[in-house]
PDB file of N, CA and C in Angstrom:
ATOM      1  N   MET A   1     131.041 115.550 102.584  1.00  0.00           N
ATOM      2  CA  MET A   1     131.567 116.213 101.696  1.00  0.00           C
ATOM      3  C   MET A   1     130.944 116.500 101.059  1.00  0.00           C
ATOM      4  N   ARG A   2     129.579 116.963 100.864  1.00  0.00           N
ATOM      5  CA  ARG A   2     128.421 118.322  99.885  1.00  0.00           C
ATOM      6  C   ARG A   2     129.085 119.470 100.410  1.00  0.00           C
ATOM      7  N   TYR A   3     129.846 119.951 101.763  1.00  0.00           N
ATOM      8  CA  TYR A   3     129.702 121.060 102.189  1.00  0.00           C
ATOM      9  C   TYR A   3     131.137 121.478 101.773  1.00  0.00           C
ATOM     10  N   LEU A   4     131.742 120.464 101.632  1.00  0.00           N
ATOM     11  CA  LEU A   4     133.206 120.884 101.623  1.00  0.00           C
ATOM     12  C   LEU A   4     133.173 121.235 100.027  1.00  0.00           C
ATOM     13  N   ARG A   5     132.038 120.567  98.817  1.00  0.00           N
ATOM     14  CA  ARG A   5     132.654 120.966  98.371  1.00  0.00           C
ATOM     15  C   ARG A   5     132.146 122.405  98.033  1.00  0.00           C
ATOM     16  N   TYR A   6     130.595 122.764  98.571  1.00  0.00           N
ATOM     17  CA  TYR A   6     130.178 123.945  98.824  1.00  0.00           C
ATOM     18  C   TYR A   6     131.334 125.363  99.213  1.00  0.00           C
ATOM     19  N   ALA A   7     132.322 124.779 100.140  1.00  0.00           N
ATOM     20  CA  ALA A   7     132.428 125.515 101.254  1.00  0.00           C
ATOM     21  C   ALA A   7     133.782 126.472  99.714  1.00  0.00           C
ATOM     22  N   PHE A   8     134.940 125.258  99.494  1.00  0.00           N
ATOM     23  CA  PHE A   8     135.794 125.550  98.042  1.00  0.00           C
ATOM     24  C   PHE A   8     135.004 126.279  96.857  1.00  0.00           C
ATOM     25  N   LEU A   9     133.924 125.614  96.687  1.00  0.00           N
ATOM     26  CA  LEU A   9     133.587 126.896  95.637  1.00  0.00           C
ATOM     27  C   LEU A   9     133.475 128.134  96.177  1.00  0.00           C
ATOM     28  N   ILE A  10     132.755 128.374  97.073  1.00  0.00           N
ATOM     29  CA  ILE A  10     132.372 129.435  97.620  1.00  0.00           C
ATOM     30  C   ILE A  10     133.772 130.406  97.695  1.00  0.00           C
ATOM     31  N   VAL A  11     134.374 129.655  98.355  1.00  0.00           N
ATOM     32  CA  VAL A  11     136.343 130.368  98.496  1.00  0.00           C
ATOM     33  C   VAL A  11     136.888 130.805  96.342  1.00  0.00           C
ATOM     34  N   LEU A  12     136.573 129.542  96.031  1.00  0.00           N
ATOM     35  CA  LEU A  12     136.947 129.714  94.324  1.00  0.00           C
ATOM     36  C   LEU A  12     136.058 131.315  94.035  1.00  0.00           C
ATOM     37  N   ALA A  13     134.568 131.446  93.975  1.00  0.00           N
ATOM     38  CA  ALA A  13     134.283 132.828  94.080  1.00  0.00           C
ATOM     39  C   ALA A  13     134.366 133.624  94.567  1.00  0.00           C
ATOM     40  N   ILE A  14     135.113 134.391  95.861  1.00  0.00           N
ATOM     41  CA  ILE A  14     135.626 134.901  96.623  1.00  0.00           C
ATOM     42  C   ILE A  14     137.239 135.357  95.956  1.00  0.00           C
ATOM     43  N   CYS A  15     138.264 133.875  95.654  1.00  0.00           N
ATOM     44  CA  CYS A  15     138.988 134.535  95.259  1.00  0.00           C
ATOM     45  C   CYS A  15     138.963 135.035  93.471  1.00  0.00           C
ATOM     46  N   LEU A  16     138.129 134.891  92.477  1.00  0.00           N
ATOM     47  CA  LEU A  16     137.402 135.222  91.208  1.00  0.00           C
ATOM     48  C   LEU A  16     137.244 136.774  91.793  1.00  0.00           C
ATOM     49  N   LEU A  17     136.566 136.742  92.414  1.00  0.00           N
ATOM     50  CA  LEU A  17     135.702 138.147  92.843  1.00  0.00           C
ATOM     51  C   LEU A  17     136.723 138.813  92.821  1.00  0.00           C
ATOM     52  N   ILE A  18     138.090 138.693  94.022  1.00  0.00           N
ATOM     53  CA  ILE A  18     139.330 139.989  94.505  1.00  0.00           C
ATOM     54  C   ILE A  18     139.871 140.291  93.056  1.00  0.00           C
ATOM     55  N   VAL A  19     140.277 138.686  92.721  1.00  0.00           N
ATOM     56  CA  VAL A  19     140.741 139.180  91.030  1.00  0.00           C
ATOM     57  C   VAL A  19     140.974 140.266  90.000  1.00  0.00           C
ATOM     58  N   ALA A  20     139.062 140.109  90.004  1.00  0.00           N
ATOM     59  CA  ALA A  20     138.190 140.918  88.341  1.00  0.00           C
ATOM     60  C   ALA A  20     138.374 142.432  89.754  1.00  0.00           C
ATOM     61  N   LEU A  21     138.064 142.249  90.748  1.00  0.00           N
ATOM     62  CA  LEU A  21     138.178 143.901  91.121  1.00  0.00           C
ATOM     63  C   LEU A  21     139.295 144.137  91.266  1.00  0.00           C
ATOM     64  N   ALA A  22     140.677 143.753  91.493  1.00  0.00           N
ATOM     65  CA  ALA A  22     142.150 143.707  91.128  1.00  0.00           C
ATOM     66  C   ALA A  22     142.486 144.238  89.238  1.00  0.00           C
ATOM     67  N   ASN A  23     142.093 143.962  89.112  1.00  0.00           N
ATOM     68  CA  ASN A  23     142.573 144.414  87.007  1.00  0.00           C
ATOM     69  C   ASN A  23     140.996 144.692  86.502  1.00  0.00           C
ATOM     70  N   ARG A  24     140.415 145.690  87.117  1.00  0.00           N
ATOM     71  CA  ARG A  24     139.303 146.908  86.791  1.00  0.00           C
ATOM     72  C   ARG A  24     139.941 147.119  85.130  1.00  0.00           C
ATOM     73  N   ASP A  25     140.729 147.559  85.157  1.00  0.00           N
ATOM     74  CA  ASP A  25     140.833 148.580  84.314  1.00  0.00           C
ATOM     75  C   ASP A  25     141.390 147.975  82.810  1.00  0.00           C
ATOM     76  N   PRO A  26     140.815 149.256  81.964  1.00  0.00           N
ATOM     77  CA  PRO A  26     140.925 148.828  80.619  1.00  0.00           C
ATOM     78  C   PRO A  26     141.846 148.718  79.780  1.00  0.00           C
ATOM     79  N   VAL A  27     142.011 147.346  79.075  1.00  0.00           N
ATOM     80  CA  VAL A  27     144.031 146.735  78.146  1.00  0.00           C
ATOM     81  C   VAL A  27     142.805 146.990  76.413  1.00  0.00           C
ATOM     82  N   THR A  28     143.737 147.369  75.393  1.00  0.00           N
ATOM     83  CA  THR A  28     143.628 147.126  74.278  1.00  0.00           C
ATOM     84  C   THR A  28     143.932 145.665  74.175  1.00  0.00           C
ATOM     85  N   LEU A  29     143.188 145.132  73.369  1.00  0.00           N
ATOM     86  CA  LEU A  29     143.746 143.668  72.266  1.00  0.00           C
ATOM     87  C   LEU A  29     143.350 144.268  71.324  1.00  0.00           C
ATOM     88  N   HIS A  30     144.816 143.398  69.916  1.00  0.00           N
ATOM     89  CA  HIS A  30     144.638 143.551  68.911  1.00  0.00           C
ATOM     90  C   HIS A  30     144.749 142.749  68.622  1.00  0.00           C
ATOM     91  N   VAL A  31     144.159 142.343  67.035  1.00  0.00           N
ATOM     92  CA  VAL A  31     143.813 141.041  66.780  1.00  0.00           C
ATOM     93  C   VAL A  31     145.602 140.408  65.509  1.00  0.00           C
ATOM     94  N   LEU A  32     146.089 141.328  65.256  1.00  0.00           N
ATOM     95  CA  LEU A  32     147.063 141.688  64.523  1.00  0.00           C
ATOM     96  C   LEU A  32     148.340 142.596  65.128  1.00  0.00           C
ATOM     97  N   PRO A  33     150.247 142.071  65.596  1.00  0.00           N
ATOM     98  CA  PRO A  33     150.556 142.886  65.556  1.00  0.00           C
ATOM     99  C   PRO A  33     151.277 144.532  64.619  1.00  0.00           C
ATOM    100  N   SER A  34     151.204 145.546  65.163  1.00  0.00           N
ATOM    101  CA  SER A  34     150.722 146.771  64.649  1.00  0.00           C
ATOM    102  C   SER A  34     151.761 146.810  63.073  1.00  0.00           C
ATOM    103  N   GLU A  35     152.957 145.918  63.178  1.00  0.00           N
ATOM    104  CA  GLU A  35     153.841 145.915  61.663  1.00  0.00           C
ATOM    105  C   GLU A  35     152.744 145.238  60.685  1.00  0.00           C
ATOM    106  N   LEU A  36     151.978 144.241  60.972  1.00  0.00           N
ATOM    107  CA  LEU A  36     151.630 143.388  60.036  1.00  0.00           C
ATOM    108  C   LEU A  36     150.354 143.721  59.897  1.00  0.00           C
ATOM    109  N   ALA A  37     149.340 144.705  60.798  1.00  0.00           N
ATOM    110  CA  ALA A  37     148.362 145.534  60.239  1.00  0.00           C
ATOM    111  C   ALA A  37     148.765 146.370  59.726  1.00  0.00           C
ATOM    112  N   ASP A  38     150.052 147.427  59.741  1.00  0.00           N
ATOM    113  CA  ASP A  38     149.650 148.303  59.054  1.00  0.00           C
ATOM    114  C   ASP A  38     150.235 148.052  57.636  1.00  0.00           C
ATOM    115  N   PHE A  39     151.088 147.050  57.522  1.00  0.00           N
ATOM    116  CA  PHE A  39     150.538 146.099  55.833  1.00  0.00           C
ATOM    117  C   PHE A  39     149.420 145.521  55.326  1.00  0.00           C
ATOM    118  N   ALA A  40     148.847 145.419  56.586  1.00  0.00           N
ATOM    119  CA  ALA A  40     147.244 144.582  55.639  1.00  0.00           C
ATOM    120  C   ALA A  40     146.559 145.549  55.413  1.00  0.00           C
ATOM    121  N   GLY A  41     146.948 146.935  55.942  1.00  0.00           N
ATOM    122  CA  GLY A  41     145.743 148.001  55.799  1.00  0.00           C
ATOM    123  C   GLY A  41     144.284 147.677  57.014  1.00  0.00           C
ATOM    124  N   TRP A  42     144.420 146.785  58.219  1.00  0.00           N
ATOM    125  CA  TRP A  42     143.074 146.258  58.869  1.00  0.00           C
ATOM    126  C   TRP A  42     144.095 146.139  60.419  1.00  0.00           C
ATOM    127  N   ALA A  43     143.334 146.932  61.031  1.00  0.00           N
ATOM    128  CA  ALA A  43     143.554 146.962  62.472  1.00  0.00           C
ATOM    129  C   ALA A  43     142.836 146.788  63.502  1.00  0.00           C
ATOM    130  N   PRO A  44     141.748 145.642  63.881  1.00  0.00           N
ATOM    131  CA  PRO A  44     140.478 145.315  64.175  1.00  0.00           C
ATOM    132  C   PRO A  44     141.182 145.315  65.946  1.00  0.00           C
ATOM    133  N   SER A  45     141.024 145.723  66.949  1.00  0.00           N
ATOM    134  CA  SER A  45     141.430 146.164  68.267  1.00  0.00           C
ATOM    135  C   SER A  45     139.623 146.848  69.114  1.00  0.00           C
ATOM    136  N   VAL A  46     139.653 145.516  70.127  1.00  0.00           N
ATOM    137  CA  VAL A  46     139.216 145.675  71.325  1.00  0.00           C
ATOM    138  C   VAL A  46     139.270 146.023  72.478  1.00  0.00           C
ATOM    139  N   SER A  47     138.796 147.268  73.748  1.00  0.00           N
ATOM    140  CA  SER A  47     139.409 147.695  74.723  1.00  0.00           C
ATOM    141  C   SER A  47     138.186 146.986  75.988  1.00  0.00           C
ATOM    142  N   VAL A  48     138.725 146.186  76.439  1.00  0.00           N
ATOM    143  CA  VAL A  48     138.050 145.686  77.311  1.00  0.00           C
ATOM    144  C   VAL A  48     138.752 145.500  78.794  1.00  0.00           C
ATOM    145  N   PRO A  49     137.873 145.093  79.877  1.00  0.00           N
ATOM    146  CA  PRO A  49     138.505 145.108  81.725  1.00  0.00           C
ATOM    147  C   PRO A  49     139.812 144.038  81.000  1.00  0.00           C
ATOM    148  N   LEU A  50     140.971 144.382  81.683  1.00  0.00           N
ATOM    149  CA  LEU A  50     141.826 142.883  82.143  1.00  0.00           C
ATOM    150  C   LEU A  50     141.153 141.922  82.481  1.00  0.00           C
ATOM    151  N   PHE A  51     140.444 141.514  83.671  1.00  0.00           N
ATOM    152  CA  PHE A  51     139.854 140.178  83.882  1.00  0.00           C
ATOM    153  C   PHE A  51     139.055 139.811  83.363  1.00  0.00           C
ATOM    154  N   ILE A  52     138.215 140.729  82.217  1.00  0.00           N
ATOM    155  CA  ILE A  52     138.178 139.613  80.995  1.00  0.00           C
ATOM    156  C   ILE A  52     138.918 138.420  80.302  1.00  0.00           C
ATOM    157  N   VAL A  53     140.280 139.555  79.859  1.00  0.00           N
ATOM    158  CA  VAL A  53     141.604 138.756  79.092  1.00  0.00           C
ATOM    159  C   VAL A  53     141.664 137.510  80.280  1.00  0.00           C
ATOM    160  N   ILE A  54     141.952 137.343  81.422  1.00  0.00           N
ATOM    161  CA  ILE A  54     142.448 136.536  82.226  1.00  0.00           C
ATOM    162  C   ILE A  54     141.867 135.246  82.336  1.00  0.00           C
ATOM    163  N   PHE A  55     140.420 135.627  82.968  1.00  0.00           N
ATOM    164  CA  PHE A  55     139.246 134.753  82.903  1.00  0.00           C
ATOM    165  C   PHE A  55     139.117 133.663  81.323  1.00  0.00           C
ATOM    166  N   GLY A  56     138.681 134.647  80.332  1.00  0.00           N
ATOM    167  CA  GLY A  56     139.192 134.479  78.859  1.00  0.00           C
ATOM    168  C   GLY A  56     140.241 133.457  78.830  1.00  0.00           C
ATOM    169  N   GLY A  57     140.872 133.564  78.994  1.00  0.00           N
ATOM    170  CA  GLY A  57     142.685 132.817  78.389  1.00  0.00           C
ATOM    171  C   GLY A  57     141.995 131.453  79.292  1.00  0.00           C
ATOM    172  N   ILE A  58     141.679 131.596  80.431  1.00  0.00           N
ATOM    173  CA  ILE A  58     141.103 130.225  81.515  1.00  0.00           C
ATOM    174  C   ILE A  58     140.687 129.575  80.826  1.00  0.00           C
ATOM    175  N   VAL A  59     139.247 130.082  79.991  1.00  0.00           N
ATOM    176  CA  VAL A  59     138.685 129.045  80.144  1.00  0.00           C
ATOM    177  C   VAL A  59     139.006 128.610  78.594  1.00  0.00           C
ATOM    178  N   ALA A  60     139.600 129.583  77.558  1.00  0.00           N
ATOM    179  CA  ALA A  60     140.507 128.693  76.507  1.00  0.00           C
ATOM    180  C   ALA A  60     140.806 127.706  76.765  1.00  0.00           C
ATOM    181  N   GLY A  61     141.650 127.995  77.592  1.00  0.00           N
ATOM    182  CA  GLY A  61     143.230 126.768  78.167  1.00  0.00           C
ATOM    183  C   GLY A  61     142.081 125.360  78.570  1.00  0.00           C
ATOM    184  N   VAL A  62     141.190 125.751  78.799  1.00  0.00           N
ATOM    185  CA  VAL A  62     140.196 124.638  79.678  1.00  0.00           C
ATOM    186  C   VAL A  62     139.284 123.857  78.627  1.00  0.00           C
ATOM    187  N   MET A  63     138.582 124.488  77.400  1.00  0.00           N
ATOM    188  CA  MET A  63     138.291 124.422  76.628  1.00  0.00           C
ATOM    189  C   MET A  63     138.539 123.118  75.722  1.00  0.00           C
ATOM    190  N   ILE A  64     140.132 123.857  75.461  1.00  0.00           N
ATOM    191  CA  ILE A  64     141.488 123.553  73.974  1.00  0.00           C
ATOM    192  C   ILE A  64     141.290 122.265  74.842  1.00  0.00           C
ATOM    193  N   GLY A  65     142.013 122.376  76.946  1.00  0.00           N
ATOM    194  CA  GLY A  65     142.429 120.864  77.076  1.00  0.00           C
ATOM    195  C   GLY A  65     140.901 119.979  77.055  1.00  0.00           C
ATOM    196  N   PHE A  66     140.113 119.943  77.543  1.00  0.00           N
ATOM    197  CA  PHE A  66     138.952 119.211  76.895  1.00  0.00           C
ATOM    198  C   PHE A  66     138.970 118.778  75.725  1.00  0.00           C
ATOM    199  N   ILE A  67     138.724 119.180  74.540  1.00  0.00           N
ATOM    200  CA  ILE A  67     138.937 118.716  73.370  1.00  0.00           C
ATOM    201  C   ILE A  67     140.488 117.853  73.176  1.00  0.00           C
ATOM    202  N   TRP A  68     141.317 118.354  73.675  1.00  0.00           N
ATOM    203  CA  TRP A  68     143.025 117.397  73.217  1.00  0.00           C
ATOM    204  C   TRP A  68     142.370 116.280  74.106  1.00  0.00           C
ATOM    205  N   GLU A  69     141.509 116.003  75.002  1.00  0.00           N
ATOM    206  CA  GLU A  69     141.582 114.108  76.008  1.00  0.00           C
ATOM    207  C   GLU A  69     140.298 113.837  75.312  1.00  0.00           C
ATOM    208  N   TRP A  70     139.308 114.307  74.594  1.00  0.00           N
ATOM    209  CA  TRP A  70     138.091 113.889  73.857  1.00  0.00           C
ATOM    210  C   TRP A  70     138.927 113.301  72.359  1.00  0.00           C
ATOM    211  N   PHE A  71     140.041 113.434  72.374  1.00  0.00           N
ATOM    212  CA  PHE A  71     139.962 113.563  71.270  1.00  0.00           C
ATOM    213  C   PHE A  71     141.615 112.592  71.121  1.00  0.00           C
ATOM    214  N   ARG A  72     142.145 112.039  72.090  1.00  0.00           N
ATOM    215  CA  ARG A  72     142.460 111.516  72.635  1.00  0.00           C
ATOM    216  C   ARG A  72     142.226 110.239  73.270  1.00  0.00           C
ATOM    217  N   GLU A  73     141.219 110.038  74.085  1.00  0.00           N
ATOM    218  CA  GLU A  73     140.277 109.419  74.127  1.00  0.00           C
ATOM    219  C   GLU A  73     139.463 108.430  73.500  1.00  0.00           C
ATOM    220  N   HIS A  74     139.211 109.155  72.537  1.00  0.00           N
ATOM    221  CA  HIS A  74     138.760 108.137  71.266  1.00  0.00           C
ATOM    222  C   HIS A  74     138.875 106.793  70.937  1.00  0.00           C
ATOM    223  N   LYS A  75     140.507 106.198  70.713  1.00  0.00           N
ATOM    224  CA  LYS A  75     140.960 105.121  70.940  1.00  0.00           C
ATOM    225  C   LYS A  75     139.949 104.002  72.097  1.00  0.00           C
ATOM    226  N   HIS A  76     139.922 104.322  73.485  1.00  0.00           N
ATOM    227  CA  HIS A  76     138.977 104.087  74.534  1.00  0.00           C
ATOM    228  C   HIS A  76     137.756 103.865  74.175  1.00  0.00           C
ATOM    229  N   ARG A  77     137.247 105.016  73.920  1.00  0.00           N
ATOM    230  CA  ARG A  77     135.389 104.721  73.715  1.00  0.00           C
ATOM    231  C   ARG A  77     134.824 103.368  71.908  1.00  0.00           C
ATOM    232  N   ALA A  78     135.824 103.569  71.645  1.00  0.00           N
ATOM    233  CA  ALA A  78     135.663 102.964  69.974  1.00  0.00           C
ATOM    234  C   ALA A  78     136.017 101.676  70.782  1.00  0.00           C
ATOM    235  N   GLU A  79     136.592 101.400  71.595  1.00  0.00           N
ATOM    236  CA  GLU A  79     137.106  99.802  72.218  1.00  0.00           C
ATOM    237  C   GLU A  79     135.829  99.663  73.037  1.00  0.00           C
ATOM    238  N   ALA A  80     135.250 100.011  74.061  1.00  0.00           N
ATOM    239  CA  ALA A  80     134.351 100.007  74.208  1.00  0.00           C
ATOM    240  C   ALA A  80     133.239  99.376  74.059  1.00  0.00           C
ATOM    241  N   ALA A  81     133.067 100.746  72.563  1.00  0.00           N
ATOM    242  CA  ALA A  81     131.784 100.415  72.361  1.00  0.00           C
ATOM    243  C   ALA A  81     131.947  99.017  71.438  1.00  0.00           C
ATOM    244  N   THR A  82     133.029  98.382  70.667  1.00  0.00           N
ATOM    245  CA  THR A  82     133.219  97.261  70.375  1.00  0.00           C
ATOM    246  C   THR A  82     133.325  96.212  71.248  1.00  0.00           C
ATOM    247  N   GLN A  83     133.483  96.363  72.691  1.00  0.00           N
ATOM    248  CA  GLN A  83     133.336  95.356  73.343  1.00  0.00           C
ATOM    249  C   GLN A  83     131.935  95.045  73.977  1.00  0.00           C
ATOM    250  N   ARG A  84     130.996  96.671  73.495  1.00  0.00           N
ATOM    251  CA  ARG A  84     129.660  96.350  74.436  1.00  0.00           C
ATOM    252  C   ARG A  84     129.054  96.106  73.156  1.00  0.00           C
ATOM    253  N   ARG A  85     128.636  95.852  71.889  1.00  0.00           N
ATOM    254  CA  ARG A  85     128.272  95.041  70.734  1.00  0.00           C
ATOM    255  C   ARG A  85     128.907  93.433  71.004  1.00  0.00           C
ATOM    256  N   GLU A  86     129.675  93.168  71.646  1.00  0.00           N
ATOM    257  CA  GLU A  86     129.925  91.900  71.244  1.00  0.00           C
ATOM    258  C   GLU A  86     129.478  91.466  72.633  1.00  0.00           C
ATOM    259  N   ARG A  87     129.339  91.980  73.180  1.00  0.00           N
ATOM    260  CA  ARG A  87     128.515  91.552  74.526  1.00  0.00           C
ATOM    261  C   ARG A  87     126.948  91.671  74.368  1.00  0.00           C
ATOM    262  N   GLU A  88     126.754  92.295  74.119  1.00  0.00           N
ATOM    263  CA  GLU A  88     124.784  92.220  73.280  1.00  0.00           C
ATOM    264  C   GLU A  88     124.778  91.411  72.755  1.00  0.00           C
ATOM    265  N   ARG A  89     125.763  91.300  71.819  1.00  0.00           N
ATOM    266  CA  ARG A  89     125.932  89.673  70.689  1.00  0.00           C
ATOM    267  C   ARG A  89     125.724  88.329  71.456  1.00  0.00           C
ATOM    268  N   LEU A  90     126.336  88.208  72.221  1.00  0.00           N
ATOM    269  CA  LEU A  90     126.718  87.156  72.950  1.00  0.00           C
ATOM    270  C   LEU A  90     125.422  86.979  73.675  1.00  0.00           C
ATOM    271  N   GLU A  91     125.061  88.027  74.468  1.00  0.00           N
ATOM    272  CA  GLU A  91     123.807  88.285  75.524  1.00  0.00           C
ATOM    273  C   GLU A  91     122.584  87.512  74.538  1.00  0.00           C
ATOM    274  N   ARG A  92     122.604  87.730  73.178  1.00  0.00           N
ATOM    275  CA  ARG A  92     121.631  87.428  72.607  1.00  0.00           C
ATOM    276  C   ARG A  92     121.519  85.487  72.002  1.00  0.00           C
ATOM    277  N   GLU A  93     122.881  85.533  71.925  1.00  0.00           N
ATOM    278  CA  GLU A  93     122.707  84.360  71.589  1.00  0.00           C
ATOM    279  C   GLU A  93     122.477  83.205  72.561  1.00  0.00           C
ATOM    280  N   VAL A  94     123.045  83.817  73.782  1.00  0.00           N
ATOM    281  CA  VAL A  94     122.818  83.083  74.864  1.00  0.00           C
ATOM    282  C   VAL A  94     121.524  83.062  75.506  1.00  0.00           C
ATOM    283  N   ASP A  95     120.482  83.212  75.205  1.00  0.00           N
ATOM    284  CA  ASP A  95     119.513  84.236  75.259  1.00  0.00           C
ATOM    285  C   ASP A  95     118.564  83.007  74.025  1.00  0.00           C
ATOM    286  N   ARG A  96     118.882  82.838  72.831  1.00  0.00           N
ATOM    287  CA  ARG A  96     118.372  81.707  71.893  1.00  0.00           C
ATOM    288  C   ARG A  96     118.590  80.626  72.354  1.00  0.00           C
ATOM    289  N   LEU A  97     119.940  80.265  72.236  1.00  0.00           N
ATOM    290  CA  LEU A  97     120.027  79.192  73.041  1.00  0.00           C
ATOM    291  C   LEU A  97     119.750  78.835  74.281  1.00  0.00           C
ATOM    292  N   LYS A  98     119.037  79.660  74.883  1.00  0.00           N
ATOM    293  CA  LYS A  98     118.977  78.740  76.490  1.00  0.00           C
ATOM    294  C   LYS A  98     117.286  78.237  76.804  1.00  0.00           C
ATOM    295  N   PRO A  99     116.706  78.040  76.285  1.00  0.00           N
ATOM    296  CA  PRO A  99     115.262  77.352  75.911  1.00  0.00           C
ATOM    297  C   PRO A  99     115.390  75.839  75.039  1.00  0.00           C
ATOM    298  N   HIS A 100     116.365  75.906  74.423  1.00  0.00           N
ATOM    299  CA  HIS A 100     116.650  74.576  74.030  1.00  0.00           C
ATOM    300  C   HIS A 100     117.789  74.053  75.053  1.00  0.00           C
ATOM    301  N   ALA A 101     118.725  74.246  75.876  1.00  0.00           N
ATOM    302  CA  ALA A 101     119.194  73.851  76.940  1.00  0.00           C
ATOM    303  C   ALA A 101     118.493  73.524  77.857  1.00  0.00           C
ATOM    304  N   GLU A 102     117.423  74.156  78.331  1.00  0.00           N
ATOM    305  CA  GLU A 102     116.609  74.074  79.206  1.00  0.00           C
ATOM    306  C   GLU A 102     115.381  72.653  78.875  1.00  0.00           C
ATOM    307  N   LYS A 103     114.986  72.832  77.607  1.00  0.00           N
ATOM    308  CA  LYS A 103     114.642  71.997  76.849  1.00  0.00           C
ATOM    309  C   LYS A 103     115.367  69.855  76.998  1.00  0.00           C
ATOM    310  N   GLN A 104     116.566  70.465  76.701  1.00  0.00           N
ATOM    311  CA  GLN A 104     117.773  68.894  76.457  1.00  0.00           C
ATOM    312  C   GLN A 104     117.512  68.525  78.111  1.00  0.00           C
ATOM    313  N   ASP A 105     117.451  69.899  79.414  1.00  0.00           N
ATOM    314  CA  ASP A 105     117.938  69.877  80.923  1.00  0.00           C
ATOM    315  C   ASP A 105     116.134  68.383  81.152  1.00  0.00           C
ATOM    316  N   ASP A 106     115.509  69.051  80.879  1.00  0.00           N
ATOM    317  CA  ASP A 106     114.018  68.266  81.230  1.00  0.00           C
ATOM    318  C   ASP A 106     113.713  67.185  80.332  1.00  0.00           C
ATOM    319  N   ASP A 107     114.736  67.255  79.376  1.00  0.00           N
ATOM    320  CA  ASP A 107     114.432  65.567  78.749  1.00  0.00           C
ATOM    321  C   ASP A 107     115.078  64.515  79.376  1.00  0.00           C
ATOM    322  N   VAL A 108     116.019  65.144  79.777  1.00  0.00           N
ATOM    323  CA  VAL A 108     117.409  63.957  80.769  1.00  0.00           C
ATOM    324  C   VAL A 108     116.490  63.793  81.850  1.00  0.00           C
ATOM    325  N   LEU A 109     116.469  64.816  82.550  1.00  0.00           N
ATOM    326  CA  LEU A 109     115.367  64.661  83.996  1.00  0.00           C
ATOM    327  C   LEU A 109     114.331  64.284  84.012  1.00  0.00           C
ATOM    328  N   ALA A 110     113.613  64.091  82.980  1.00  0.00           N
ATOM    329  CA  ALA A 110     112.273  63.399  82.358  1.00  0.00           C
ATOM    330  C   ALA A 110     112.536  61.826  82.275  1.00  0.00           C
ATOM    331  N   LEU A 111     113.446  61.766  81.546  1.00  0.00           N
ATOM    332  CA  LEU A 111     113.974  60.516  81.248  1.00  0.00           C
ATOM    333  C   LEU A 111     114.667  59.733  82.772  1.00  0.00           C
ATOM    334  N   LEU A 112     115.315  60.251  83.179  1.00  0.00           N
ATOM    335  CA  LEU A 112     115.553  59.916  85.086  1.00  0.00           C
ATOM    336  C   LEU A 112     114.679  59.725  85.998  1.00  0.00           C
ATOM    337  N   GLU A 113     113.775  60.252  85.970  1.00  0.00           N
ATOM    338  CA  GLU A 113     112.429  59.760  86.713  1.00  0.00           C
ATOM    339  C   GLU A 113     111.463  59.418  86.395  1.00  0.00           C
ATOM    340  N   SER A 114     111.454  59.265  84.919  1.00  0.00           N
ATOM    341  CA  SER A 114     110.585  57.790  84.645  1.00  0.00           C
ATOM    342  C   SER A 114     110.948  56.695  85.400  1.00  0.00           C
ATOM    343  N   PRO A 115     109.408  56.041  85.690  1.00  0.00           N
ATOM    344  CA  PRO A 115     109.470  54.471  86.136  1.00  0.00           C
ATOM    345  C   PRO A 115     110.310  53.528  85.898  1.00  0.00           C
ATOM    346  N   GLY A 116     110.664  53.417  84.636  1.00  0.00           N
ATOM    347  CA  GLY A 116     111.549  52.295  84.175  1.00  0.00           C
ATOM    348  C   GLY A 116     112.869  52.744  83.962  1.00  0.00           C
ATOM    349  N   ALA A 117     113.377  54.090  83.794  1.00  0.00           N
ATOM    350  CA  ALA A 117     114.307  54.257  83.374  1.00  0.00           C
ATOM    351  C   ALA A 117     116.082  53.388  84.531  1.00  0.00           C
ATOM    352  N   ALA A 118     115.803  53.568  85.773  1.00  0.00           N
ATOM    353  CA  ALA A 118     116.755  53.319  86.204  1.00  0.00           C
ATOM    354  C   ALA A 118     116.860  51.819  87.173  1.00  0.00           C
ATOM    355  N   ARG A 119     116.500  51.024  85.835  1.00  0.00           N
ATOM    356  CA  ARG A 119     116.392  49.474  86.485  1.00  0.00           C
ATOM    357  C   ARG A 119     117.581  49.006  85.712  1.00  0.00           C
TER     358      ARG A 119
END
C-alpha cells in the first residue's frame, strides 16, 4: 500500500509539473476592477506566471474547505469532549468506590469461611 501511495504522489507531481510548464506565461492580477480602480485612484496589480494563479486557487480552495469543515464539525468535537469528561468522572468514581466494594467482599468471604459461620 505504501508503494501505491508513493506511485500516486509521483504521478501527481509529474502532472503538476506538466501543468506548470504549460502555463508559464505571465498574467497580470488586479486587486480592483478597472472602473473601481479609476474611481478609487488606487490600482495595485502584480504580474505572475499563470501556474502560480492556478495552484494558488487550488490551495486557497482547499484551505477554505478545511476551515469550513472545522467549523461544521465543532458540535461533534464539543460532544466528544463532554463525553470524555463524563467518562473520566465515572472512572474516578469507580476507582474511589472500588476499595470499599473489595473490602465488603472480603468481609463477606471472611464470614463465610469462618469455622462457625455455616452451621
